[in-house]
Amino acid sequence: MSTGNKTFIEKIGAYENDDMSQDEIIMFFQELVDNGAAWKLQGHYGRVADVLIESGLVKDPSNNIGTAIKFDVETGETELFCDVVRKDLTSQNK
């Protein structure tokens, strides 16, 4: 599912229904970090945002230095990373 023309609520639904590609998840979390919603929604979103920022996949707008977005789609590192984060956070919420 492409999230380009979706509303904020539709994007949350797509994320929670596991209906986003790994790259869409990263773009979605960049949006959540940019507008501050990552820390206003339930704790899962803030924890995932923190991990993605620490890994360099999402840029922290409060960091003046900036963080390069680093991932290699061809080797699947982004997909593997997001799967690990999602499994970890899912197990914490049970």
N, C-alpha and C. Protein backbone atom coordinates (compact mmCIF):
# COMPACT_ATOMS: atom_id res chain seq x y z
N MET A 1 0.85 -1.18 0.00
CA MET A 1 0.00 0.00 0.00
C MET A 1 0.88 1.23 0.00
N SER A 2 0.65 2.13 -0.91
CA SER A 2 1.37 3.39 -0.94
C SER A 2 0.71 4.35 0.02
N THR A 3 1.51 5.00 0.86
CA THR A 3 0.95 5.90 1.87
C THR A 3 1.04 7.36 1.44
N GLY A 4 1.47 7.62 0.20
CA GLY A 4 1.69 8.98 -0.26
C GLY A 4 0.51 9.91 -0.14
N ASN A 5 -0.69 9.46 -0.49
CA ASN A 5 -1.87 10.32 -0.47
C ASN A 5 -2.81 10.00 0.68
N LYS A 6 -2.36 9.23 1.64
CA LYS A 6 -3.20 8.83 2.76
C LYS A 6 -3.20 9.90 3.85
N THR A 7 -4.31 9.95 4.59
CA THR A 7 -4.38 10.84 5.74
C THR A 7 -3.53 10.27 6.87
N PHE A 8 -3.31 11.06 7.87
CA PHE A 8 -2.53 10.63 9.03
C PHE A 8 -3.17 9.39 9.67
N ILE A 9 -4.48 9.41 9.85
CA ILE A 9 -5.19 8.30 10.46
C ILE A 9 -5.09 7.05 9.59
N GLU A 10 -5.19 7.21 8.29
CA GLU A 10 -5.05 6.07 7.38
C GLU A 10 -3.65 5.47 7.44
N LYS A 11 -2.65 6.33 7.60
CA LYS A 11 -1.27 5.83 7.73
C LYS A 11 -1.10 5.04 9.02
N ILE A 12 -1.67 5.52 10.12
CA ILE A 12 -1.60 4.78 11.38
C ILE A 12 -2.27 3.43 11.21
N GLY A 13 -3.43 3.42 10.58
CA GLY A 13 -4.13 2.15 10.34
C GLY A 13 -3.31 1.20 9.49
N ALA A 14 -2.69 1.71 8.45
CA ALA A 14 -1.87 0.87 7.58
C ALA A 14 -0.69 0.30 8.36
N TYR A 15 -0.06 1.13 9.19
CA TYR A 15 1.08 0.67 10.00
C TYR A 15 0.63 -0.42 10.98
N GLU A 16 -0.45 -0.14 11.69
CA GLU A 16 -0.90 -1.09 12.71
C GLU A 16 -1.45 -2.38 12.11
N ASN A 17 -1.91 -2.32 10.87
CA ASN A 17 -2.38 -3.52 10.19
C ASN A 17 -1.28 -4.22 9.41
N ASP A 18 -0.05 -3.76 9.61
CA ASP A 18 1.13 -4.36 8.95
C ASP A 18 0.97 -4.31 7.43
N ASP A 19 0.48 -3.16 6.95
CA ASP A 19 0.20 -2.99 5.52
C ASP A 19 1.11 -1.92 4.91
N MET A 20 2.34 -1.82 5.40
CA MET A 20 3.32 -0.88 4.87
C MET A 20 4.60 -1.63 4.56
N SER A 21 5.27 -1.18 3.50
CA SER A 21 6.60 -1.72 3.22
C SER A 21 7.57 -1.17 4.25
N GLN A 22 8.75 -1.74 4.31
CA GLN A 22 9.75 -1.27 5.27
C GLN A 22 10.13 0.18 5.00
N ASP A 23 10.26 0.55 3.73
CA ASP A 23 10.60 1.93 3.41
C ASP A 23 9.47 2.88 3.78
N GLU A 24 8.22 2.44 3.60
CA GLU A 24 7.08 3.27 3.99
C GLU A 24 7.05 3.47 5.50
N ILE A 25 7.43 2.44 6.25
CA ILE A 25 7.48 2.56 7.71
C ILE A 25 8.50 3.62 8.10
N ILE A 26 9.66 3.59 7.48
CA ILE A 26 10.70 4.58 7.81
C ILE A 26 10.22 5.99 7.46
N MET A 27 9.60 6.15 6.30
CA MET A 27 9.08 7.48 5.93
C MET A 27 7.97 7.92 6.89
N PHE A 28 7.12 6.98 7.29
CA PHE A 28 6.04 7.28 8.23
C PHE A 28 6.62 7.74 9.57
N PHE A 29 7.63 7.04 10.06
CA PHE A 29 8.22 7.44 11.34
C PHE A 29 9.00 8.75 11.22
N GLN A 30 9.56 9.03 10.05
CA GLN A 30 10.20 10.33 9.85
C GLN A 30 9.15 11.43 9.99
N GLU A 31 7.98 11.20 9.39
CA GLU A 31 6.87 12.16 9.51
C GLU A 31 6.45 12.32 10.97
N LEU A 32 6.33 11.20 11.70
CA LEU A 32 5.93 11.26 13.11
C LEU A 32 6.95 12.02 13.95
N VAL A 33 8.22 11.82 13.67
CA VAL A 33 9.27 12.53 14.39
C VAL A 33 9.24 14.02 14.03
N ASP A 34 9.10 14.31 12.74
CA ASP A 34 9.11 15.71 12.29
C ASP A 34 7.98 16.52 12.92
N ASN A 35 6.79 15.90 13.05
CA ASN A 35 5.67 16.67 13.60
C ASN A 35 5.46 16.45 15.09
N GLY A 36 6.31 15.64 15.72
CA GLY A 36 6.26 15.44 17.17
C GLY A 36 5.25 14.40 17.62
N ALA A 37 4.49 13.83 16.69
CA ALA A 37 3.45 12.87 17.06
C ALA A 37 4.02 11.58 17.63
N ALA A 38 5.26 11.25 17.28
CA ALA A 38 5.86 10.00 17.76
C ALA A 38 5.83 9.92 19.28
N TRP A 39 5.92 11.06 19.94
CA TRP A 39 5.97 11.07 21.41
C TRP A 39 4.63 11.46 22.03
N LYS A 40 3.62 11.65 21.20
CA LYS A 40 2.28 11.97 21.70
C LYS A 40 1.34 10.78 21.57
N LEU A 41 1.68 9.85 20.70
CA LEU A 41 0.90 8.63 20.52
C LEU A 41 1.30 7.62 21.60
N GLN A 42 0.70 6.44 21.58
CA GLN A 42 1.05 5.42 22.55
C GLN A 42 2.56 5.16 22.54
N GLY A 43 3.09 4.65 23.61
CA GLY A 43 4.52 4.49 23.81
C GLY A 43 5.27 3.74 22.74
N HIS A 44 4.62 2.79 22.09
CA HIS A 44 5.25 2.01 21.01
C HIS A 44 5.86 2.93 19.96
N TYR A 45 5.13 3.97 19.57
CA TYR A 45 5.59 4.85 18.50
C TYR A 45 6.86 5.60 18.92
N GLY A 46 6.91 6.08 20.13
CA GLY A 46 8.10 6.77 20.61
C GLY A 46 9.30 5.86 20.71
N ARG A 47 9.06 4.62 21.17
CA ARG A 47 10.17 3.67 21.29
C ARG A 47 10.72 3.31 19.92
N VAL A 48 9.84 3.07 18.94
CA VAL A 48 10.31 2.75 17.59
C VAL A 48 11.04 3.95 17.00
N ALA A 49 10.48 5.14 17.19
CA ALA A 49 11.13 6.36 16.68
C ALA A 49 12.53 6.51 17.27
N ASP A 50 12.67 6.29 18.57
CA ASP A 50 13.98 6.40 19.21
C ASP A 50 14.99 5.42 18.61
N VAL A 51 14.55 4.18 18.39
CA VAL A 51 15.44 3.17 17.81
C VAL A 51 15.83 3.57 16.39
N LEU A 52 14.87 4.04 15.61
CA LEU A 52 15.17 4.43 14.23
C LEU A 52 16.09 5.64 14.18
N ILE A 53 15.94 6.57 15.11
CA ILE A 53 16.84 7.73 15.18
C ILE A 53 18.24 7.27 15.55
N GLU A 54 18.34 6.44 16.58
CA GLU A 54 19.65 5.96 17.03
C GLU A 54 20.36 5.17 15.93
N SER A 55 19.60 4.49 15.09
CA SER A 55 20.20 3.68 14.03
C SER A 55 20.58 4.51 12.81
N GLY A 56 20.10 5.75 12.75
CA GLY A 56 20.39 6.60 11.60
C GLY A 56 19.40 6.46 10.46
N LEU A 57 18.34 5.68 10.66
CA LEU A 57 17.33 5.51 9.61
C LEU A 57 16.36 6.67 9.56
N VAL A 58 16.19 7.36 10.68
CA VAL A 58 15.31 8.52 10.77
C VAL A 58 16.13 9.67 11.34
N LYS A 59 15.97 10.85 10.76
CA LYS A 59 16.70 12.04 11.19
C LYS A 59 15.94 12.72 12.32
N ASP A 60 16.64 13.06 13.38
CA ASP A 60 16.06 13.79 14.49
C ASP A 60 16.12 15.28 14.16
N PRO A 61 14.97 15.93 13.96
CA PRO A 61 14.98 17.34 13.58
C PRO A 61 15.54 18.26 14.66
N SER A 62 15.60 17.79 15.90
CA SER A 62 16.15 18.63 16.97
C SER A 62 17.68 18.57 17.00
N ASN A 63 18.26 17.66 16.21
CA ASN A 63 19.70 17.52 16.13
C ASN A 63 20.21 18.42 15.00
N ASN A 64 20.91 19.47 15.33
CA ASN A 64 21.38 20.42 14.33
C ASN A 64 22.42 19.83 13.38
N ILE A 65 23.11 18.81 13.84
CA ILE A 65 24.14 18.19 13.01
C ILE A 65 23.48 17.37 11.90
N GLY A 66 22.38 16.73 12.21
CA GLY A 66 21.67 15.90 11.23
C GLY A 66 22.24 14.50 11.20
N THR A 67 21.41 13.58 10.83
CA THR A 67 21.80 12.19 10.74
C THR A 67 21.50 11.70 9.34
N ALA A 68 22.47 11.13 8.70
CA ALA A 68 22.25 10.61 7.36
C ALA A 68 21.38 9.36 7.44
N ILE A 69 20.49 9.22 6.49
CA ILE A 69 19.68 8.02 6.42
C ILE A 69 20.52 6.96 5.72
N LYS A 70 20.83 5.91 6.45
CA LYS A 70 21.73 4.88 5.94
C LYS A 70 21.02 3.54 5.91
N PHE A 71 20.83 3.02 4.74
CA PHE A 71 20.32 1.66 4.60
C PHE A 71 20.57 1.19 3.19
N ASP A 72 20.61 -0.11 3.04
CA ASP A 72 20.88 -0.71 1.75
C ASP A 72 19.70 -1.60 1.38
N VAL A 73 18.84 -1.09 0.52
CA VAL A 73 17.64 -1.83 0.13
C VAL A 73 18.00 -3.13 -0.57
N GLU A 74 19.06 -3.14 -1.37
CA GLU A 74 19.43 -4.33 -2.13
C GLU A 74 19.78 -5.50 -1.21
N THR A 75 20.43 -5.25 -0.10
CA THR A 75 20.81 -6.34 0.80
C THR A 75 19.72 -6.64 1.82
N GLY A 76 18.68 -5.82 1.87
CA GLY A 76 17.58 -6.07 2.78
C GLY A 76 17.85 -5.66 4.21
N GLU A 77 18.89 -4.85 4.42
CA GLU A 77 19.21 -4.45 5.79
C GLU A 77 18.07 -3.67 6.43
N THR A 78 17.41 -2.82 5.67
CA THR A 78 16.30 -2.05 6.21
C THR A 78 15.18 -2.99 6.62
N GLU A 79 14.85 -3.91 5.76
CA GLU A 79 13.77 -4.85 6.06
C GLU A 79 14.10 -5.68 7.29
N LEU A 80 15.30 -6.20 7.35
CA LEU A 80 15.71 -7.00 8.49
C LEU A 80 15.66 -6.17 9.77
N PHE A 81 16.18 -4.96 9.74
CA PHE A 81 16.19 -4.10 10.91
C PHE A 81 14.78 -3.83 11.41
N CYS A 82 13.86 -3.46 10.51
CA CYS A 82 12.49 -3.15 10.90
C CYS A 82 11.79 -4.38 11.45
N ASP A 83 12.05 -5.55 10.88
CA ASP A 83 11.44 -6.78 11.38
C ASP A 83 11.90 -7.05 12.81
N VAL A 84 13.17 -6.86 13.07
CA VAL A 84 13.71 -7.09 14.41
C VAL A 84 13.09 -6.10 15.40
N VAL A 85 13.01 -4.83 15.03
CA VAL A 85 12.42 -3.82 15.90
C VAL A 85 10.96 -4.15 16.18
N ARG A 86 10.22 -4.48 15.13
CA ARG A 86 8.79 -4.77 15.30
C ARG A 86 8.60 -5.98 16.21
N LYS A 87 9.37 -7.06 16.00
CA LYS A 87 9.24 -8.26 16.85
C LYS A 87 9.59 -7.93 18.29
N ASP A 88 10.63 -7.16 18.49
CA ASP A 88 11.06 -6.81 19.84
C ASP A 88 9.97 -6.00 20.54
N LEU A 89 9.44 -5.00 19.89
CA LEU A 89 8.44 -4.16 20.51
C LEU A 89 7.11 -4.89 20.68
N THR A 90 6.78 -5.78 19.78
CA THR A 90 5.57 -6.58 19.92
C THR A 90 5.66 -7.47 21.15
N SER A 91 6.82 -8.07 21.36
CA SER A 91 6.97 -8.95 22.52
C SER A 91 6.95 -8.15 23.82
N GLN A 92 7.39 -6.90 23.82
CA GLN A 92 7.36 -6.06 25.01
C GLN A 92 5.94 -5.67 25.38
N ASN A 93 5.05 -5.55 24.37
CA ASN A 93 3.69 -5.09 24.62
C ASN A 93 2.75 -6.22 25.03
N LYS A 94 3.22 -7.46 25.06
CA LYS A 94 2.35 -8.59 25.43
C LYS A 94 2.35 -8.82 26.90
